[in-house]
């Protein structure tokens, strides 16, 4: 379980506990208001964390796709480079053969 999931689970448990507090519990009203304020703040923080998590997940997906595209592009360029080198080698061999033929005819 990731750290974010643990924090979310703890936050949800705390919110549930805060929601289950009864007014009959003998606490001064300022304590209840303090708890409600804290509950609202925790709920707000949870929403913000979830929003940031979604944003990070979208960014992760975008970057992952970009890496895949770049890897594909590199692979294609490598194949082209190999083909080009092979063509150069073939031309070099042909040139050597032609030079040898010219030398034979000149003798």
PDB file of N, CA and C in Angstrom:
ATOM      1  N   UNK A   1       0.861  -1.168   0.000  1.00  0.00           N
ATOM      2  CA  UNK A   1       0.000   0.000   0.000  1.00  0.00           C
ATOM      3  C   UNK A   1       0.907   1.231   0.000  1.00  0.00           C
ATOM      4  N   UNK A   2       0.638   2.134  -0.890  1.00  0.00           N
ATOM      5  CA  UNK A   2       1.485   3.317  -1.005  1.00  0.00           C
ATOM      6  C   UNK A   2       1.246   4.273   0.149  1.00  0.00           C
ATOM      7  N   UNK A   3       2.192   5.142   0.333  1.00  0.00           N
ATOM      8  CA  UNK A   3       2.129   6.125   1.403  1.00  0.00           C
ATOM      9  C   UNK A   3       0.879   6.993   1.262  1.00  0.00           C
ATOM     10  N   UNK A   4       0.569   7.373   0.035  1.00  0.00           N
ATOM     11  CA  UNK A   4      -0.616   8.193  -0.221  1.00  0.00           C
ATOM     12  C   UNK A   4      -1.888   7.433   0.149  1.00  0.00           C
ATOM     13  N   UNK A   5      -1.940   6.161  -0.179  1.00  0.00           N
ATOM     14  CA  UNK A   5      -3.116   5.365   0.157  1.00  0.00           C
ATOM     15  C   UNK A   5      -3.263   5.211   1.668  1.00  0.00           C
ATOM     16  N   UNK A   6      -2.147   5.040   2.377  1.00  0.00           N
ATOM     17  CA  UNK A   6      -2.191   4.935   3.834  1.00  0.00           C
ATOM     18  C   UNK A   6      -2.705   6.233   4.437  1.00  0.00           C
ATOM     19  N   UNK A   7      -2.197   7.347   3.944  1.00  0.00           N
ATOM     20  CA  UNK A   7      -2.643   8.645   4.460  1.00  0.00           C
ATOM     21  C   UNK A   7      -4.128   8.850   4.177  1.00  0.00           C
ATOM     22  N   UNK A   8      -4.554   8.455   2.977  1.00  0.00           N
ATOM     23  CA  UNK A   8      -5.967   8.613   2.632  1.00  0.00           C
ATOM     24  C   UNK A   8      -6.840   7.737   3.530  1.00  0.00           C
ATOM     25  N   UNK A   9      -6.406   6.514   3.769  1.00  0.00           N
ATOM     26  CA  UNK A   9      -7.160   5.614   4.635  1.00  0.00           C
ATOM     27  C   UNK A   9      -7.257   6.184   6.047  1.00  0.00           C
ATOM     28  N   UNK A  10      -6.140   6.679   6.582  1.00  0.00           N
ATOM     29  CA  UNK A  10      -6.140   7.282   7.917  1.00  0.00           C
ATOM     30  C   UNK A  10      -7.040   8.508   7.958  1.00  0.00           C
ATOM     31  N   UNK A  11      -6.984   9.300   6.921  1.00  0.00           N
ATOM     32  CA  UNK A  11      -7.815  10.499   6.848  1.00  0.00           C
ATOM     33  C   UNK A  11      -9.289  10.126   6.807  1.00  0.00           C
ATOM     34  N   UNK A  12      -9.634   9.126   6.019  1.00  0.00           N
ATOM     35  CA  UNK A  12     -11.029   8.675   5.956  1.00  0.00           C
ATOM     36  C   UNK A  12     -11.505   8.144   7.301  1.00  0.00           C
ATOM     37  N   UNK A  13     -10.644   7.409   7.994  1.00  0.00           N
ATOM     38  CA  UNK A  13     -11.012   6.890   9.315  1.00  0.00           C
ATOM     39  C   UNK A  13     -11.238   8.031  10.296  1.00  0.00           C
ATOM     40  N   UNK A  14     -10.377   9.026  10.236  1.00  0.00           N
ATOM     41  CA  UNK A  14     -10.522  10.171  11.125  1.00  0.00           C
ATOM     42  C   UNK A  14     -11.798  10.940  10.822  1.00  0.00           C
ATOM     43  N   UNK A  15     -12.107  11.124   9.556  1.00  0.00           N
ATOM     44  CA  UNK A  15     -13.345  11.823   9.175  1.00  0.00           C
ATOM     45  C   UNK A  15     -14.557  11.035   9.651  1.00  0.00           C
ATOM     46  N   UNK A  16     -14.514   9.713   9.487  1.00  0.00           N
ATOM     47  CA  UNK A  16     -15.629   8.876   9.977  1.00  0.00           C
ATOM     48  C   UNK A  16     -15.797   9.004  11.483  1.00  0.00           C
ATOM     49  N   UNK A  17     -14.686   9.005  12.213  1.00  0.00           N
ATOM     50  CA  UNK A  17     -14.764   9.151  13.670  1.00  0.00           C
ATOM     51  C   UNK A  17     -15.347  10.514  14.045  1.00  0.00           C
ATOM     52  N   UNK A  18     -14.898  11.543  13.329  1.00  0.00           N
ATOM     53  CA  UNK A  18     -15.417  12.879  13.619  1.00  0.00           C
ATOM     54  C   UNK A  18     -16.904  12.974  13.308  1.00  0.00           C
ATOM     55  N   UNK A  19     -17.325  12.333  12.238  1.00  0.00           N
ATOM     56  CA  UNK A  19     -18.747  12.350  11.872  1.00  0.00           C
ATOM     57  C   UNK A  19     -19.609  11.597  12.878  1.00  0.00           C
ATOM     58  N   UNK A  20     -19.016  10.587  13.505  1.00  0.00           N
ATOM     59  CA  UNK A  20     -19.805   9.771  14.422  1.00  0.00           C
ATOM     60  C   UNK A  20     -19.928  10.390  15.818  1.00  0.00           C
ATOM     61  N   UNK A  21     -19.210  11.460  16.078  1.00  0.00           N
ATOM     62  CA  UNK A  21     -19.323  12.107  17.392  1.00  0.00           C
ATOM     63  C   UNK A  21     -20.741  12.633  17.573  1.00  0.00           C
ATOM     64  N   UNK A  22     -21.248  12.415  18.696  1.00  0.00           N
ATOM     65  CA  UNK A  22     -22.627  12.816  18.982  1.00  0.00           C
ATOM     66  C   UNK A  22     -22.643  14.113  19.772  1.00  0.00           C
ATOM     67  N   UNK A  23     -23.703  14.865  19.580  1.00  0.00           N
ATOM     68  CA  UNK A  23     -23.858  16.102  20.343  1.00  0.00           C
ATOM     69  C   UNK A  23     -24.115  15.811  21.819  1.00  0.00           C
ATOM     70  N   UNK A  24     -24.565  14.604  22.113  1.00  0.00           N
ATOM     71  CA  UNK A  24     -24.835  14.256  23.503  1.00  0.00           C
ATOM     72  C   UNK A  24     -23.555  14.041  24.293  1.00  0.00           C
ATOM     73  N   UNK A  25     -22.477  13.876  23.589  1.00  0.00           N
ATOM     74  CA  UNK A  25     -21.204  13.717  24.268  1.00  0.00           C
ATOM     75  C   UNK A  25     -20.891  15.015  24.996  1.00  0.00           C
ATOM     76  N   UNK A  26     -20.476  14.903  26.199  1.00  0.00           N
ATOM     77  CA  UNK A  26     -20.333  16.101  27.028  1.00  0.00           C
ATOM     78  C   UNK A  26     -19.035  16.842  26.704  1.00  0.00           C
ATOM     79  N   UNK A  27     -19.131  17.704  25.724  1.00  0.00           N
ATOM     80  CA  UNK A  27     -18.013  18.556  25.356  1.00  0.00           C
ATOM     81  C   UNK A  27     -18.541  19.971  25.233  1.00  0.00           C
ATOM     82  N   UNK A  28     -17.750  20.921  25.569  1.00  0.00           N
ATOM     83  CA  UNK A  28     -18.170  22.306  25.368  1.00  0.00           C
ATOM     84  C   UNK A  28     -18.376  22.574  23.878  1.00  0.00           C
ATOM     85  N   UNK A  29     -19.239  23.511  23.562  1.00  0.00           N
ATOM     86  CA  UNK A  29     -19.569  23.783  22.159  1.00  0.00           C
ATOM     87  C   UNK A  29     -18.358  24.266  21.365  1.00  0.00           C
ATOM     88  N   UNK A  30     -17.428  24.973  22.004  1.00  0.00           N
ATOM     89  CA  UNK A  30     -16.244  25.420  21.261  1.00  0.00           C
ATOM     90  C   UNK A  30     -15.380  24.233  20.849  1.00  0.00           C
ATOM     91  N   UNK A  31     -15.389  23.160  21.639  1.00  0.00           N
ATOM     92  CA  UNK A  31     -14.664  21.944  21.268  1.00  0.00           C
ATOM     93  C   UNK A  31     -15.301  21.305  20.036  1.00  0.00           C
ATOM     94  N   UNK A  32     -16.638  21.265  20.030  1.00  0.00           N
ATOM     95  CA  UNK A  32     -17.338  20.704  18.874  1.00  0.00           C
ATOM     96  C   UNK A  32     -17.042  21.522  17.626  1.00  0.00           C
ATOM     97  N   UNK A  33     -17.051  22.819  17.753  1.00  0.00           N
ATOM     98  CA  UNK A  33     -16.773  23.682  16.602  1.00  0.00           C
ATOM     99  C   UNK A  33     -15.336  23.481  16.127  1.00  0.00           C
ATOM    100  N   UNK A  34     -14.430  23.320  17.076  1.00  0.00           N
ATOM    101  CA  UNK A  34     -13.024  23.069  16.731  1.00  0.00           C
ATOM    102  C   UNK A  34     -12.901  21.755  15.956  1.00  0.00           C
ATOM    103  N   UNK A  35     -13.618  20.733  16.412  1.00  0.00           N
ATOM    104  CA  UNK A  35     -13.584  19.431  15.743  1.00  0.00           C
ATOM    105  C   UNK A  35     -14.185  19.537  14.349  1.00  0.00           C
ATOM    106  N   UNK A  36     -15.303  20.248  14.223  1.00  0.00           N
ATOM    107  CA  UNK A  36     -15.930  20.421  12.901  1.00  0.00           C
ATOM    108  C   UNK A  36     -14.987  21.169  11.952  1.00  0.00           C
ATOM    109  N   UNK A  37     -14.348  22.194  12.479  1.00  0.00           N
ATOM    110  CA  UNK A  37     -13.410  22.959  11.656  1.00  0.00           C
ATOM    111  C   UNK A  37     -12.259  22.073  11.203  1.00  0.00           C
ATOM    112  N   UNK A  38     -11.748  21.264  12.118  1.00  0.00           N
ATOM    113  CA  UNK A  38     -10.660  20.351  11.775  1.00  0.00           C
ATOM    114  C   UNK A  38     -11.127  19.318  10.749  1.00  0.00           C
ATOM    115  N   UNK A  39     -12.339  18.807  10.936  1.00  0.00           N
ATOM    116  CA  UNK A  39     -12.899  17.840   9.989  1.00  0.00           C
ATOM    117  C   UNK A  39     -13.006  18.463   8.602  1.00  0.00           C
ATOM    118  N   UNK A  40     -13.506  19.682   8.534  1.00  0.00           N
ATOM    119  CA  UNK A  40     -13.639  20.365   7.243  1.00  0.00           C
ATOM    120  C   UNK A  40     -12.277  20.616   6.600  1.00  0.00           C
ATOM    121  N   UNK A  41     -11.315  20.984   7.421  1.00  0.00           N
ATOM    122  CA  UNK A  41      -9.962  21.213   6.914  1.00  0.00           C
ATOM    123  C   UNK A  41      -9.362  19.916   6.375  1.00  0.00           C
ATOM    124  N   UNK A  42      -9.559  18.814   7.103  1.00  0.00           N
ATOM    125  CA  UNK A  42      -9.055  17.521   6.641  1.00  0.00           C
ATOM    126  C   UNK A  42      -9.736  17.087   5.347  1.00  0.00           C
ATOM    127  N   UNK A  43     -11.034  17.319   5.252  1.00  0.00           N
ATOM    128  CA  UNK A  43     -11.753  16.976   4.019  1.00  0.00           C
ATOM    129  C   UNK A  43     -11.227  17.808   2.856  1.00  0.00           C
ATOM    130  N   UNK A  44     -10.966  19.086   3.103  1.00  0.00           N
ATOM    131  CA  UNK A  44     -10.421  19.957   2.062  1.00  0.00           C
ATOM    132  C   UNK A  44      -9.031  19.476   1.633  1.00  0.00           C
ATOM    133  N   UNK A  45      -8.191  19.137   2.606  1.00  0.00           N
ATOM    134  CA  UNK A  45      -6.852  18.640   2.295  1.00  0.00           C
ATOM    135  C   UNK A  45      -6.923  17.350   1.485  1.00  0.00           C
ATOM    136  N   UNK A  46      -7.886  16.506   1.846  1.00  0.00           N
ATOM    137  CA  UNK A  46      -8.048  15.253   1.108  1.00  0.00           C
ATOM    138  C   UNK A  46      -8.394  15.543  -0.347  1.00  0.00           C
ATOM    139  N   UNK A  47      -9.318  16.469  -0.591  1.00  0.00           N
ATOM    140  CA  UNK A  47      -9.690  16.823  -1.964  1.00  0.00           C
ATOM    141  C   UNK A  47      -8.491  17.371  -2.727  1.00  0.00           C
ATOM    142  N   UNK A  48      -7.710  18.218  -2.069  1.00  0.00           N
ATOM    143  CA  UNK A  48      -6.533  18.799  -2.708  1.00  0.00           C
ATOM    144  C   UNK A  48      -5.512  17.717  -3.062  1.00  0.00           C
ATOM    145  N   UNK A  49      -5.296  16.786  -2.144  1.00  0.00           N
ATOM    146  CA  UNK A  49      -4.352  15.691  -2.388  1.00  0.00           C
ATOM    147  C   UNK A  49      -4.847  14.822  -3.542  1.00  0.00           C
ATOM    148  N   UNK A  50      -6.137  14.529  -3.572  1.00  0.00           N
ATOM    149  CA  UNK A  50      -6.696  13.719  -4.655  1.00  0.00           C
ATOM    150  C   UNK A  50      -6.536  14.447  -5.990  1.00  0.00           C
ATOM    151  N   UNK A  51      -6.765  15.752  -5.978  1.00  0.00           N
ATOM    152  CA  UNK A  51      -6.621  16.552  -7.200  1.00  0.00           C
ATOM    153  C   UNK A  51      -5.173  16.525  -7.692  1.00  0.00           C
ATOM    154  N   UNK A  52      -4.223  16.693  -6.760  1.00  0.00           N
ATOM    155  CA  UNK A  52      -2.807  16.653  -7.137  1.00  0.00           C
ATOM    156  C   UNK A  52      -2.419  15.267  -7.628  1.00  0.00           C
ATOM    157  N   UNK A  53      -2.971  14.242  -6.990  1.00  0.00           N
ATOM    158  CA  UNK A  53      -2.674  12.879  -7.413  1.00  0.00           C
ATOM    159  C   UNK A  53      -3.166  12.638  -8.837  1.00  0.00           C
ATOM    160  N   UNK A  54      -4.375  13.095  -9.152  1.00  0.00           N
ATOM    161  CA  UNK A  54      -4.901  12.944 -10.510  1.00  0.00           C
ATOM    162  C   UNK A  54      -4.024  13.678 -11.507  1.00  0.00           C
ATOM    163  N   UNK A  55      -3.585  14.864 -11.127  1.00  0.00           N
ATOM    164  CA  UNK A  55      -2.717  15.645 -12.003  1.00  0.00           C
ATOM    165  C   UNK A  55      -1.396  14.918 -12.246  1.00  0.00           C
ATOM    166  N   UNK A  56      -0.831  14.365 -11.180  1.00  0.00           N
ATOM    167  CA  UNK A  56       0.417  13.606 -11.319  1.00  0.00           C
ATOM    168  C   UNK A  56       0.229  12.352 -12.162  1.00  0.00           C
ATOM    169  N   UNK A  57      -0.913  11.709 -12.008  1.00  0.00           N
ATOM    170  CA  UNK A  57      -1.187  10.509 -12.811  1.00  0.00           C
ATOM    171  C   UNK A  57      -1.299  10.864 -14.298  1.00  0.00           C
ATOM    172  N   UNK A  58      -1.967  11.993 -14.597  1.00  0.00           N
ATOM    173  CA  UNK A  58      -2.062  12.435 -15.996  1.00  0.00           C
ATOM    174  C   UNK A  58      -0.673  12.756 -16.549  1.00  0.00           C
ATOM    175  N   UNK A  59       0.128  13.449 -15.753  1.00  0.00           N
ATOM    176  CA  UNK A  59       1.476  13.798 -16.187  1.00  0.00           C
ATOM    177  C   UNK A  59       2.320  12.541 -16.379  1.00  0.00           C
ATOM    178  N   UNK A  60       2.181  11.589 -15.466  1.00  0.00           N
ATOM    179  CA  UNK A  60       2.913  10.320 -15.586  1.00  0.00           C
ATOM    180  C   UNK A  60       2.544   9.606 -16.888  1.00  0.00           C
ATOM    181  N   UNK A  61       1.251   9.549 -17.178  1.00  0.00           N
ATOM    182  CA  UNK A  61       0.786   8.894 -18.409  1.00  0.00           C
ATOM    183  C   UNK A  61       1.347   9.600 -19.636  1.00  0.00           C
ATOM    184  N   UNK A  62       1.300  10.944 -19.632  1.00  0.00           N
ATOM    185  CA  UNK A  62       1.825  11.722 -20.758  1.00  0.00           C
ATOM    186  C   UNK A  62       3.314  11.444 -20.957  1.00  0.00           C
ATOM    187  N   UNK A  63       4.079  11.476 -19.863  1.00  0.00           N
ATOM    188  CA  UNK A  63       5.523  11.257 -19.968  1.00  0.00           C
ATOM    189  C   UNK A  63       5.850   9.828 -20.398  1.00  0.00           C
ATOM    190  N   UNK A  64       5.064   8.883 -19.910  1.00  0.00           N
ATOM    191  CA  UNK A  64       5.278   7.483 -20.296  1.00  0.00           C
ATOM    192  C   UNK A  64       5.056   7.310 -21.803  1.00  0.00           C
ATOM    193  N   UNK A  65       3.982   7.924 -22.322  1.00  0.00           N
ATOM    194  CA  UNK A  65       3.712   7.848 -23.755  1.00  0.00           C
ATOM    195  C   UNK A  65       4.804   8.556 -24.553  1.00  0.00           C
ATOM    196  N   UNK A  66       5.285   9.676 -24.033  1.00  0.00           N
ATOM    197  CA  UNK A  66       6.343  10.412 -24.718  1.00  0.00           C
ATOM    198  C   UNK A  66       7.620   9.581 -24.779  1.00  0.00           C
ATOM    199  N   UNK A  67       7.947   8.900 -23.689  1.00  0.00           N
ATOM    200  CA  UNK A  67       9.129   8.031 -23.666  1.00  0.00           C
ATOM    201  C   UNK A  67       8.976   6.915 -24.699  1.00  0.00           C
ATOM    202  N   UNK A  68       7.782   6.332 -24.773  1.00  0.00           N
ATOM    203  CA  UNK A  68       7.558   5.260 -25.749  1.00  0.00           C
ATOM    204  C   UNK A  68       7.726   5.774 -27.176  1.00  0.00           C
ATOM    205  N   UNK A  69       7.203   6.984 -27.444  1.00  0.00           N
ATOM    206  CA  UNK A  69       7.359   7.562 -28.783  1.00  0.00           C
ATOM    207  C   UNK A  69       8.832   7.812 -29.100  1.00  0.00           C
ATOM    208  N   UNK A  70       9.565   8.335 -28.127  1.00  0.00           N
ATOM    209  CA  UNK A  70      10.984   8.604 -28.341  1.00  0.00           C
ATOM    210  C   UNK A  70      11.765   7.313 -28.560  1.00  0.00           C
ATOM    211  N   UNK A  71      11.427   6.273 -27.799  1.00  0.00           N
ATOM    212  CA  UNK A  71      12.108   4.992 -27.976  1.00  0.00           C
ATOM    213  C   UNK A  71      11.827   4.424 -29.366  1.00  0.00           C
ATOM    214  N   UNK A  72      10.596   4.574 -29.817  1.00  0.00           N
ATOM    215  CA  UNK A  72      10.238   4.108 -31.156  1.00  0.00           C
ATOM    216  C   UNK A  72      11.003   4.893 -32.216  1.00  0.00           C
ATOM    217  N   UNK A  73      11.078   6.195 -32.024  1.00  0.00           N
ATOM    218  CA  UNK A  73      11.796   7.050 -32.965  1.00  0.00           C
ATOM    219  C   UNK A  73      13.283   6.681 -33.007  1.00  0.00           C
ATOM    220  N   UNK A  74      13.862   6.439 -31.843  1.00  0.00           N
ATOM    221  CA  UNK A  74      15.276   6.047 -31.775  1.00  0.00           C
ATOM    222  C   UNK A  74      15.483   4.719 -32.493  1.00  0.00           C
ATOM    223  N   UNK A  75      14.561   3.802 -32.291  1.00  0.00           N
ATOM    224  CA  UNK A  75      14.657   2.497 -32.942  1.00  0.00           C
ATOM    225  C   UNK A  75      14.616   2.643 -34.469  1.00  0.00           C
ATOM    226  N   UNK A  76      13.693   3.469 -34.949  1.00  0.00           N
ATOM    227  CA  UNK A  76      13.589   3.691 -36.404  1.00  0.00           C
ATOM    228  C   UNK A  76      14.855   4.332 -36.953  1.00  0.00           C
ATOM    229  N   UNK A  77      15.375   5.329 -36.220  1.00  0.00           N
ATOM    230  CA  UNK A  77      16.600   5.997 -36.670  1.00  0.00           C
ATOM    231  C   UNK A  77      17.774   5.035 -36.663  1.00  0.00           C
ATOM    232  N   UNK A  78      17.819   4.162 -35.687  1.00  0.00           N
ATOM    233  CA  UNK A  78      18.892   3.175 -35.619  1.00  0.00           C
ATOM    234  C   UNK A  78      18.815   2.215 -36.807  1.00  0.00           C
ATOM    235  N   UNK A  79      17.597   1.812 -37.148  1.00  0.00           N
ATOM    236  CA  UNK A  79      17.419   0.939 -38.314  1.00  0.00           C
ATOM    237  C   UNK A  79      17.862   1.645 -39.587  1.00  0.00           C
ATOM    238  N   UNK A  80      17.496   2.915 -39.727  1.00  0.00           N
ATOM    239  CA  UNK A  80      17.919   3.686 -40.903  1.00  0.00           C
ATOM    240  C   UNK A  80      19.440   3.837 -40.958  1.00  0.00           C
ATOM    241  N   UNK A  81      20.037   4.058 -39.809  1.00  0.00           N
ATOM    242  CA  UNK A  81      21.491   4.197 -39.746  1.00  0.00           C
ATOM    243  C   UNK A  81      22.164   2.879 -40.152  1.00  0.00           C
ATOM    244  N   UNK A  82      21.638   1.776 -39.662  1.00  0.00           N
ATOM    245  CA  UNK A  82      22.188   0.463 -40.032  1.00  0.00           C
ATOM    246  C   UNK A  82      22.065   0.230 -41.535  1.00  0.00           C
ATOM    247  N   UNK A  83      20.908   0.568 -42.087  1.00  0.00           N
ATOM    248  CA  UNK A  83      20.689   0.408 -43.536  1.00  0.00           C
ATOM    249  C   UNK A  83      21.654   1.293 -44.320  1.00  0.00           C
ATOM    250  N   UNK A  84      21.813   2.531 -43.858  1.00  0.00           N
ATOM    251  CA  UNK A  84      22.725   3.460 -44.510  1.00  0.00           C
ATOM    252  C   UNK A  84      24.156   2.922 -44.468  1.00  0.00           C
ATOM    253  N   UNK A  85      24.584   2.419 -43.319  1.00  0.00           N
ATOM    254  CA  UNK A  85      25.933   1.855 -43.201  1.00  0.00           C
ATOM    255  C   UNK A  85      26.116   0.640 -44.100  1.00  0.00           C
ATOM    256  N   UNK A  86      25.078  -0.154 -44.196  1.00  0.00           N
ATOM    257  CA  UNK A  86      25.135  -1.324 -45.079  1.00  0.00           C
ATOM    258  C   UNK A  86      25.265  -0.881 -46.536  1.00  0.00           C
ATOM    259  N   UNK A  87      24.496   0.124 -46.925  1.00  0.00           N
ATOM    260  CA  UNK A  87      24.573   0.647 -48.292  1.00  0.00           C
ATOM    261  C   UNK A  87      25.966   1.206 -48.587  1.00  0.00           C
ATOM    262  N   UNK A  88      26.535   1.911 -47.629  1.00  0.00           N
ATOM    263  CA  UNK A  88      27.882   2.458 -47.803  1.00  0.00           C
ATOM    264  C   UNK A  88      28.893   1.334 -47.986  1.00  0.00           C
ATOM    265  N   UNK A  89      28.753   0.294 -47.183  1.00  0.00           N
ATOM    266  CA  UNK A  89      29.663  -0.849 -47.286  1.00  0.00           C
ATOM    267  C   UNK A  89      29.546  -1.514 -48.658  1.00  0.00           C
ATOM    268  N   UNK A  90      28.324  -1.673 -49.133  1.00  0.00           N
ATOM    269  CA  UNK A  90      28.122  -2.268 -50.457  1.00  0.00           C
ATOM    270  C   UNK A  90      28.723  -1.393 -51.550  1.00  0.00           C
ATOM    271  N   UNK A  91      28.522  -0.083 -51.451  1.00  0.00           N
ATOM    272  CA  UNK A  91      29.105   0.826 -52.439  1.00  0.00           C
ATOM    273  C   UNK A  91      30.629   0.791 -52.389  1.00  0.00           C
ATOM    274  N   UNK A  92      31.168   0.683 -51.206  1.00  0.00           N
ATOM    275  CA  UNK A  92      32.614   0.603 -51.050  1.00  0.00           C
ATOM    276  C   UNK A  92      33.158  -0.657 -51.728  1.00  0.00           C
ATOM    277  N   UNK A  93      32.470  -1.761 -51.518  1.00  0.00           N
ATOM    278  CA  UNK A  93      32.900  -3.020 -52.152  1.00  0.00           C
ATOM    279  C   UNK A  93      32.778  -2.926 -53.666  1.00  0.00           C
ATOM    280  N   UNK A  94      31.704  -2.332 -54.147  1.00  0.00           N
ATOM    281  CA  UNK A  94      31.538  -2.160 -55.595  1.00  0.00           C
ATOM    282  C   UNK A  94      32.642  -1.280 -56.161  1.00  0.00           C
ATOM    283  N   UNK A  95      32.980  -0.224 -55.437  1.00  0.00           N
ATOM    284  CA  UNK A  95      34.033   0.691 -55.887  1.00  0.00           C
ATOM    285  C   UNK A  95      35.358  -0.044 -55.959  1.00  0.00           C
ATOM    286  N   UNK A  96      35.650  -0.850 -54.956  1.00  0.00           N
ATOM    287  CA  UNK A  96      36.887  -1.626 -54.964  1.00  0.00           C
ATOM    288  C   UNK A  96      36.909  -2.583 -56.156  1.00  0.00           C
ATOM    289  N   UNK A  97      35.786  -3.203 -56.422  1.00  0.00           N
ATOM    290  CA  UNK A  97      35.711  -4.126 -57.562  1.00  0.00           C
ATOM    291  C   UNK A  97      35.942  -3.387 -58.878  1.00  0.00           C
ATOM    292  N   UNK A  98      35.351  -2.204 -58.994  1.00  0.00           N
ATOM    293  CA  UNK A  98      35.533  -1.414 -60.212  1.00  0.00           C
ATOM    294  C   UNK A  98      36.981  -0.955 -60.377  1.00  0.00           C
ATOM    295  N   UNK A  99      37.586  -0.563 -59.274  1.00  0.00           N
ATOM    296  CA  UNK A  99      38.996  -0.147 -59.338  1.00  0.00           C
ATOM    297  C   UNK A  99      39.860  -1.328 -59.763  1.00  0.00           C
ATOM    298  N   UNK A 100      39.590  -2.504 -59.255  1.00  0.00           N
ATOM    299  CA  UNK A 100      40.341  -3.702 -59.634  1.00  0.00           C
ATOM    300  C   UNK A 100      40.142  -4.002 -61.138  1.00  0.00           C
ATOM    301  N   UNK A 101      38.929  -3.866 -61.620  1.00  0.00           N
ATOM    302  CA  UNK A 101      38.644  -4.095 -63.038  1.00  0.00           C
ATOM    303  C   UNK A 101      39.379  -3.074 -63.910  1.00  0.00           C
ATOM    304  N   UNK A 102      39.391  -1.827 -63.459  1.00  0.00           N
ATOM    305  CA  UNK A 102      40.086  -0.779 -64.230  1.00  0.00           C
ATOM    306  C   UNK A 102      41.588  -1.086 -64.257  1.00  0.00           C
ATOM    307  N   UNK A 103      42.116  -1.513 -63.110  1.00  0.00           N
ATOM    308  CA  UNK A 103      43.539  -1.862 -63.061  1.00  0.00           C
ATOM    309  C   UNK A 103      43.853  -3.022 -64.000  1.00  0.00           C
ATOM    310  N   UNK A 104      42.998  -3.985 -64.088  1.00  0.00           N
ATOM    311  CA  UNK A 104      43.208  -5.126 -64.991  1.00  0.00           C
ATOM    312  C   UNK A 104      43.220  -4.656 -66.439  1.00  0.00           C
ATOM    313  N   UNK A 105      42.344  -3.766 -66.806  1.00  0.00           N
ATOM    314  CA  UNK A 105      42.240  -3.295 -68.180  1.00  0.00           C
ATOM    315  C   UNK A 105      43.393  -2.391 -68.547  1.00  0.00           C
ATOM    316  N   UNK A 106      43.983  -1.760 -67.560  1.00  0.00           N
ATOM    317  CA  UNK A 106      45.102  -0.877 -67.841  1.00  0.00           C
ATOM    318  C   UNK A 106      46.408  -1.637 -68.003  1.00  0.00           C
ATOM    319  N   UNK A 107      46.480  -2.829 -67.597  1.00  0.00           N
ATOM    320  CA  UNK A 107      47.716  -3.602 -67.681  1.00  0.00           C
ATOM    321  C   UNK A 107      47.930  -4.173 -69.007  1.00  0.00           C
TER     322      UNK A 107
END
